[in-house]
Amino acid sequence: VQLQASGGGVVQPGGSLRLSCAASGTIFRINALGWYRQVPGKQRELVANILNDGSTNSADSVKGRFTISRDNAKNTVYLQMNSLKPEDTAVYYCNAQLRFMSTFRDYWGQGTLVTVSS
């Protein structure tokens, strides 16, 4: 599967951004689509993901501010980020979790930088 992410940029604290990620290829194997983020010196962490049944998971730090959604017709996942804080600054990576029989494998898009700064 190939993942094409877009939508990063620079925004002031309190502002909003929307990230998009379009998936192509072996779509039928996708179990979940989501976003992770990483800052230098730290591990990549889950921001939010959405499973095929529509259920979502999100980090406590973004609940109430970020919303993940999915357009199955376009094979695209979105991350609407509101009330952004400087600590949200990171490289955001689109993720697809694919299912192969009883195992799962992660695929990653290119990162997109989100900078929250005044």
N, C-alpha and C. Protein backbone atom coordinates (compact mmCIF):
# COMPACT_ATOMS: atom_id res chain seq x y z
N VAL A 1 0.85 -1.18 0.00
CA VAL A 1 0.00 0.00 0.00
C VAL A 1 0.89 1.23 0.00
N GLN A 2 0.45 2.26 -0.70
CA GLN A 2 1.18 3.54 -0.74
C GLN A 2 0.32 4.60 -0.06
N LEU A 3 0.99 5.45 0.69
CA LEU A 3 0.30 6.49 1.44
C LEU A 3 0.86 7.85 1.06
N GLN A 4 0.00 8.76 0.67
CA GLN A 4 0.39 10.10 0.28
C GLN A 4 -0.23 11.09 1.23
N ALA A 5 0.61 11.69 2.06
CA ALA A 5 0.13 12.62 3.08
C ALA A 5 0.33 14.07 2.64
N SER A 6 -0.51 14.93 3.15
CA SER A 6 -0.40 16.36 2.86
C SER A 6 -1.07 17.15 3.97
N GLY A 7 -0.76 18.45 4.02
CA GLY A 7 -1.49 19.33 4.93
C GLY A 7 -0.70 19.92 6.06
N GLY A 8 0.56 19.58 6.21
CA GLY A 8 1.33 20.17 7.30
C GLY A 8 1.64 21.63 7.03
N GLY A 9 2.24 22.27 8.03
CA GLY A 9 2.61 23.66 7.86
C GLY A 9 2.86 24.32 9.19
N VAL A 10 2.89 25.64 9.15
CA VAL A 10 3.13 26.44 10.34
C VAL A 10 1.84 27.13 10.74
N VAL A 11 1.53 27.07 12.01
CA VAL A 11 0.30 27.68 12.51
C VAL A 11 0.56 28.26 13.89
N GLN A 12 -0.17 29.30 14.23
CA GLN A 12 -0.02 29.91 15.55
C GLN A 12 -0.77 29.07 16.60
N PRO A 13 -0.35 29.18 17.84
CA PRO A 13 -1.09 28.48 18.90
C PRO A 13 -2.58 28.86 18.88
N GLY A 14 -3.41 27.86 19.05
CA GLY A 14 -4.85 28.07 18.98
C GLY A 14 -5.43 27.90 17.59
N GLY A 15 -4.57 27.78 16.61
CA GLY A 15 -5.01 27.63 15.23
C GLY A 15 -5.37 26.21 14.87
N SER A 16 -5.69 26.02 13.59
CA SER A 16 -6.15 24.72 13.11
C SER A 16 -5.41 24.33 11.83
N LEU A 17 -5.28 23.04 11.65
CA LEU A 17 -4.76 22.46 10.42
C LEU A 17 -5.50 21.16 10.15
N ARG A 18 -5.55 20.77 8.89
CA ARG A 18 -6.11 19.48 8.54
C ARG A 18 -5.10 18.70 7.73
N LEU A 19 -4.80 17.51 8.18
CA LEU A 19 -3.92 16.61 7.45
C LEU A 19 -4.78 15.62 6.67
N SER A 20 -4.28 15.27 5.48
CA SER A 20 -4.95 14.28 4.64
C SER A 20 -3.95 13.20 4.26
N CYS A 21 -4.46 12.01 4.08
CA CYS A 21 -3.61 10.90 3.65
C CYS A 21 -4.43 9.98 2.76
N ALA A 22 -3.99 9.86 1.50
CA ALA A 22 -4.67 9.01 0.54
C ALA A 22 -3.92 7.70 0.40
N ALA A 23 -4.65 6.60 0.50
CA ALA A 23 -4.06 5.28 0.37
C ALA A 23 -4.36 4.70 -1.00
N SER A 24 -3.41 3.95 -1.52
CA SER A 24 -3.61 3.26 -2.80
C SER A 24 -2.88 1.92 -2.73
N GLY A 25 -3.25 1.05 -3.64
CA GLY A 25 -2.63 -0.27 -3.65
C GLY A 25 -3.55 -1.31 -3.05
N THR A 26 -3.02 -2.10 -2.11
CA THR A 26 -3.78 -3.22 -1.54
C THR A 26 -4.74 -2.72 -0.47
N ILE A 27 -5.72 -1.97 -0.91
CA ILE A 27 -6.67 -1.34 0.00
C ILE A 27 -7.44 -2.37 0.81
N PHE A 28 -7.75 -3.50 0.18
CA PHE A 28 -8.63 -4.47 0.83
C PHE A 28 -8.00 -5.06 2.09
N ARG A 29 -6.68 -4.92 2.23
CA ARG A 29 -6.04 -5.47 3.42
C ARG A 29 -5.99 -4.48 4.59
N ILE A 30 -6.41 -3.25 4.35
CA ILE A 30 -6.30 -2.24 5.40
C ILE A 30 -7.25 -2.54 6.55
N ASN A 31 -6.69 -2.61 7.74
CA ASN A 31 -7.47 -2.82 8.95
C ASN A 31 -7.73 -1.49 9.67
N ALA A 32 -6.77 -0.59 9.56
CA ALA A 32 -6.90 0.70 10.22
C ALA A 32 -6.03 1.72 9.50
N LEU A 33 -6.46 2.97 9.55
CA LEU A 33 -5.69 4.11 9.06
C LEU A 33 -5.53 5.10 10.20
N GLY A 34 -4.40 5.75 10.24
CA GLY A 34 -4.23 6.67 11.34
C GLY A 34 -3.02 7.58 11.19
N TRP A 35 -2.75 8.29 12.26
CA TRP A 35 -1.65 9.25 12.29
C TRP A 35 -0.82 9.03 13.55
N TYR A 36 0.48 9.08 13.35
CA TYR A 36 1.43 9.07 14.44
C TYR A 36 2.26 10.35 14.33
N ARG A 37 2.95 10.68 15.40
CA ARG A 37 3.85 11.84 15.34
C ARG A 37 5.13 11.54 16.10
N GLN A 38 6.14 12.29 15.72
CA GLN A 38 7.45 12.07 16.32
C GLN A 38 8.21 13.39 16.41
N VAL A 39 8.84 13.59 17.55
CA VAL A 39 9.75 14.72 17.72
C VAL A 39 11.14 14.15 17.93
N PRO A 40 12.17 14.91 17.61
CA PRO A 40 13.54 14.41 17.75
C PRO A 40 13.82 13.91 19.16
N GLY A 41 14.42 12.73 19.23
CA GLY A 41 14.80 12.17 20.52
C GLY A 41 13.71 11.40 21.24
N LYS A 42 12.53 11.36 20.62
CA LYS A 42 11.42 10.62 21.25
C LYS A 42 10.87 9.58 20.30
N GLN A 43 10.17 8.61 20.88
CA GLN A 43 9.57 7.57 20.06
C GLN A 43 8.35 8.10 19.32
N ARG A 44 8.08 7.47 18.20
CA ARG A 44 6.88 7.80 17.46
C ARG A 44 5.67 7.38 18.30
N GLU A 45 4.67 8.24 18.36
CA GLU A 45 3.51 7.95 19.19
C GLU A 45 2.23 8.05 18.38
N LEU A 46 1.26 7.26 18.78
CA LEU A 46 -0.05 7.31 18.13
C LEU A 46 -0.73 8.63 18.47
N VAL A 47 -1.26 9.26 17.42
CA VAL A 47 -2.11 10.42 17.62
C VAL A 47 -3.56 9.98 17.61
N ALA A 48 -3.95 9.33 16.52
CA ALA A 48 -5.30 8.80 16.40
C ALA A 48 -5.35 7.82 15.25
N ASN A 49 -6.24 6.85 15.35
CA ASN A 49 -6.49 5.97 14.22
C ASN A 49 -7.97 5.62 14.17
N ILE A 50 -8.36 5.09 13.01
CA ILE A 50 -9.75 4.73 12.79
C ILE A 50 -9.77 3.37 12.11
N LEU A 51 -10.55 2.46 12.68
CA LEU A 51 -10.61 1.11 12.17
C LEU A 51 -11.70 0.98 11.11
N ASN A 52 -11.74 -0.18 10.47
CA ASN A 52 -12.71 -0.40 9.41
C ASN A 52 -14.16 -0.29 9.90
N ASP A 53 -14.37 -0.60 11.17
CA ASP A 53 -15.74 -0.52 11.69
C ASP A 53 -16.10 0.89 12.14
N GLY A 54 -15.18 1.83 11.93
CA GLY A 54 -15.45 3.22 12.27
C GLY A 54 -15.03 3.62 13.68
N SER A 55 -14.64 2.66 14.48
CA SER A 55 -14.19 2.99 15.82
C SER A 55 -12.85 3.70 15.77
N THR A 56 -12.61 4.54 16.74
CA THR A 56 -11.39 5.34 16.76
C THR A 56 -10.64 5.20 18.07
N ASN A 57 -9.37 5.48 18.01
CA ASN A 57 -8.51 5.56 19.18
C ASN A 57 -7.73 6.87 19.07
N SER A 58 -7.49 7.51 20.20
CA SER A 58 -6.70 8.74 20.15
C SER A 58 -5.93 8.91 21.44
N ALA A 59 -4.84 9.64 21.34
CA ALA A 59 -4.03 9.93 22.52
C ALA A 59 -4.79 10.88 23.44
N ASP A 60 -4.59 10.70 24.72
CA ASP A 60 -5.27 11.57 25.69
C ASP A 60 -4.93 13.05 25.45
N SER A 61 -3.72 13.30 24.99
CA SER A 61 -3.26 14.68 24.82
C SER A 61 -3.98 15.42 23.70
N VAL A 62 -4.68 14.70 22.82
CA VAL A 62 -5.35 15.36 21.70
C VAL A 62 -6.87 15.23 21.77
N LYS A 63 -7.36 14.48 22.73
CA LYS A 63 -8.82 14.30 22.82
C LYS A 63 -9.50 15.64 23.05
N GLY A 64 -10.58 15.85 22.31
CA GLY A 64 -11.31 17.10 22.40
C GLY A 64 -10.77 18.18 21.49
N ARG A 65 -9.60 17.94 20.89
CA ARG A 65 -9.00 18.92 19.98
C ARG A 65 -8.82 18.38 18.57
N PHE A 66 -8.46 17.13 18.45
CA PHE A 66 -8.22 16.51 17.15
C PHE A 66 -9.35 15.54 16.83
N THR A 67 -9.72 15.50 15.55
CA THR A 67 -10.74 14.58 15.10
C THR A 67 -10.24 13.82 13.89
N ILE A 68 -10.33 12.51 13.95
CA ILE A 68 -9.94 11.69 12.81
C ILE A 68 -11.20 11.22 12.09
N SER A 69 -11.12 11.22 10.76
CA SER A 69 -12.25 10.75 9.96
C SER A 69 -11.71 10.05 8.73
N ARG A 70 -12.61 9.36 8.07
CA ARG A 70 -12.18 8.52 6.94
C ARG A 70 -13.23 8.56 5.86
N ASP A 71 -12.79 8.75 4.64
CA ASP A 71 -13.66 8.69 3.47
C ASP A 71 -13.31 7.41 2.73
N ASN A 72 -14.12 6.39 2.91
CA ASN A 72 -13.80 5.09 2.31
C ASN A 72 -13.87 5.13 0.78
N ALA A 73 -14.72 5.98 0.25
CA ALA A 73 -14.84 6.07 -1.21
C ALA A 73 -13.55 6.62 -1.82
N LYS A 74 -12.86 7.46 -1.07
CA LYS A 74 -11.61 8.05 -1.57
C LYS A 74 -10.38 7.39 -0.96
N ASN A 75 -10.61 6.40 -0.08
CA ASN A 75 -9.49 5.75 0.60
C ASN A 75 -8.58 6.77 1.27
N THR A 76 -9.19 7.73 1.91
CA THR A 76 -8.46 8.84 2.50
C THR A 76 -8.84 9.01 3.97
N VAL A 77 -7.82 9.29 4.77
CA VAL A 77 -8.04 9.56 6.19
C VAL A 77 -7.64 11.01 6.45
N TYR A 78 -8.40 11.65 7.32
CA TYR A 78 -8.17 13.06 7.64
C TYR A 78 -7.93 13.20 9.15
N LEU A 79 -7.11 14.19 9.47
CA LEU A 79 -6.92 14.54 10.87
C LEU A 79 -7.16 16.04 11.00
N GLN A 80 -8.29 16.39 11.58
CA GLN A 80 -8.59 17.79 11.82
C GLN A 80 -8.03 18.16 13.18
N MET A 81 -7.12 19.11 13.18
CA MET A 81 -6.43 19.51 14.40
C MET A 81 -6.84 20.94 14.76
N ASN A 82 -7.50 21.08 15.88
CA ASN A 82 -7.94 22.39 16.37
C ASN A 82 -7.25 22.72 17.68
N SER A 83 -7.30 23.96 18.04
CA SER A 83 -6.70 24.42 19.31
C SER A 83 -5.27 23.90 19.45
N LEU A 84 -4.51 24.08 18.41
CA LEU A 84 -3.15 23.55 18.40
C LEU A 84 -2.28 24.23 19.45
N LYS A 85 -1.39 23.43 20.00
CA LYS A 85 -0.47 23.90 21.04
C LYS A 85 0.97 23.72 20.56
N PRO A 86 1.89 24.48 21.12
CA PRO A 86 3.30 24.30 20.72
C PRO A 86 3.78 22.86 20.88
N GLU A 87 3.26 22.17 21.87
CA GLU A 87 3.68 20.79 22.09
C GLU A 87 3.15 19.82 21.05
N ASP A 88 2.29 20.30 20.17
CA ASP A 88 1.84 19.48 19.04
C ASP A 88 2.84 19.51 17.89
N THR A 89 3.84 20.36 17.99
CA THR A 89 4.85 20.43 16.95
C THR A 89 5.57 19.10 16.82
N ALA A 90 5.58 18.56 15.61
CA ALA A 90 6.17 17.25 15.36
C ALA A 90 6.09 16.95 13.87
N VAL A 91 6.75 15.88 13.48
CA VAL A 91 6.54 15.32 12.15
C VAL A 91 5.41 14.30 12.29
N TYR A 92 4.39 14.47 11.49
CA TYR A 92 3.23 13.59 11.54
C TYR A 92 3.33 12.57 10.40
N TYR A 93 3.10 11.31 10.74
CA TYR A 93 3.21 10.23 9.77
C TYR A 93 1.86 9.54 9.62
N CYS A 94 1.46 9.37 8.38
CA CYS A 94 0.28 8.58 8.09
C CYS A 94 0.63 7.10 8.23
N ASN A 95 -0.31 6.35 8.77
CA ASN A 95 -0.07 4.92 9.00
C ASN A 95 -1.23 4.11 8.48
N ALA A 96 -0.91 3.00 7.85
CA ALA A 96 -1.92 2.01 7.47
C ALA A 96 -1.52 0.68 8.11
N GLN A 97 -2.46 0.10 8.80
CA GLN A 97 -2.24 -1.22 9.38
C GLN A 97 -2.93 -2.24 8.48
N LEU A 98 -2.15 -3.12 7.89
CA LEU A 98 -2.69 -4.12 6.98
C LEU A 98 -2.75 -5.48 7.67
N ARG A 99 -3.74 -6.23 7.30
CA ARG A 99 -3.92 -7.55 7.87
C ARG A 99 -3.56 -8.61 6.85
N PHE A 100 -2.69 -9.54 7.28
CA PHE A 100 -2.29 -10.68 6.46
C PHE A 100 -2.60 -11.92 7.29
N MET A 101 -3.70 -12.58 6.98
CA MET A 101 -4.15 -13.73 7.76
C MET A 101 -4.30 -13.30 9.21
N SER A 102 -3.47 -13.83 10.11
CA SER A 102 -3.60 -13.52 11.54
C SER A 102 -2.57 -12.50 12.01
N THR A 103 -1.84 -11.92 11.09
CA THR A 103 -0.81 -10.95 11.49
C THR A 103 -1.12 -9.57 10.90
N PHE A 104 -0.51 -8.57 11.50
CA PHE A 104 -0.69 -7.20 11.06
C PHE A 104 0.67 -6.59 10.73
N ARG A 105 0.66 -5.71 9.75
CA ARG A 105 1.89 -5.05 9.35
C ARG A 105 1.60 -3.58 9.15
N ASP A 106 2.54 -2.74 9.61
CA ASP A 106 2.38 -1.29 9.48
C ASP A 106 3.09 -0.77 8.25
N TYR A 107 2.43 0.16 7.57
CA TYR A 107 3.01 0.86 6.45
C TYR A 107 2.94 2.35 6.76
N TRP A 108 3.94 3.09 6.26
CA TRP A 108 4.06 4.50 6.60
C TRP A 108 4.14 5.38 5.37
N GLY A 109 3.51 6.53 5.48
CA GLY A 109 3.69 7.55 4.46
C GLY A 109 4.87 8.42 4.81
N GLN A 110 5.17 9.35 3.92
CA GLN A 110 6.23 10.30 4.24
C GLN A 110 5.73 11.23 5.32
N GLY A 111 6.58 11.72 6.14
CA GLY A 111 6.17 12.60 7.21
C GLY A 111 5.82 13.99 6.70
N THR A 112 4.96 14.63 7.45
CA THR A 112 4.64 16.02 7.14
C THR A 112 4.81 16.82 8.44
N LEU A 113 5.55 17.92 8.33
CA LEU A 113 5.91 18.69 9.52
C LEU A 113 4.79 19.65 9.90
N VAL A 114 4.43 19.60 11.16
CA VAL A 114 3.49 20.55 11.74
C VAL A 114 4.25 21.36 12.79
N THR A 115 4.25 22.67 12.61
CA THR A 115 4.94 23.56 13.55
C THR A 115 3.92 24.53 14.13
N VAL A 116 3.82 24.51 15.45
CA VAL A 116 2.91 25.42 16.13
C VAL A 116 3.76 26.43 16.89
N SER A 117 3.73 27.65 16.40
CA SER A 117 4.60 28.67 16.97
C SER A 117 4.05 30.05 16.71
N SER A 118 4.28 30.94 17.66
CA SER A 118 3.86 32.33 17.48
C SER A 118 5.00 33.14 16.88
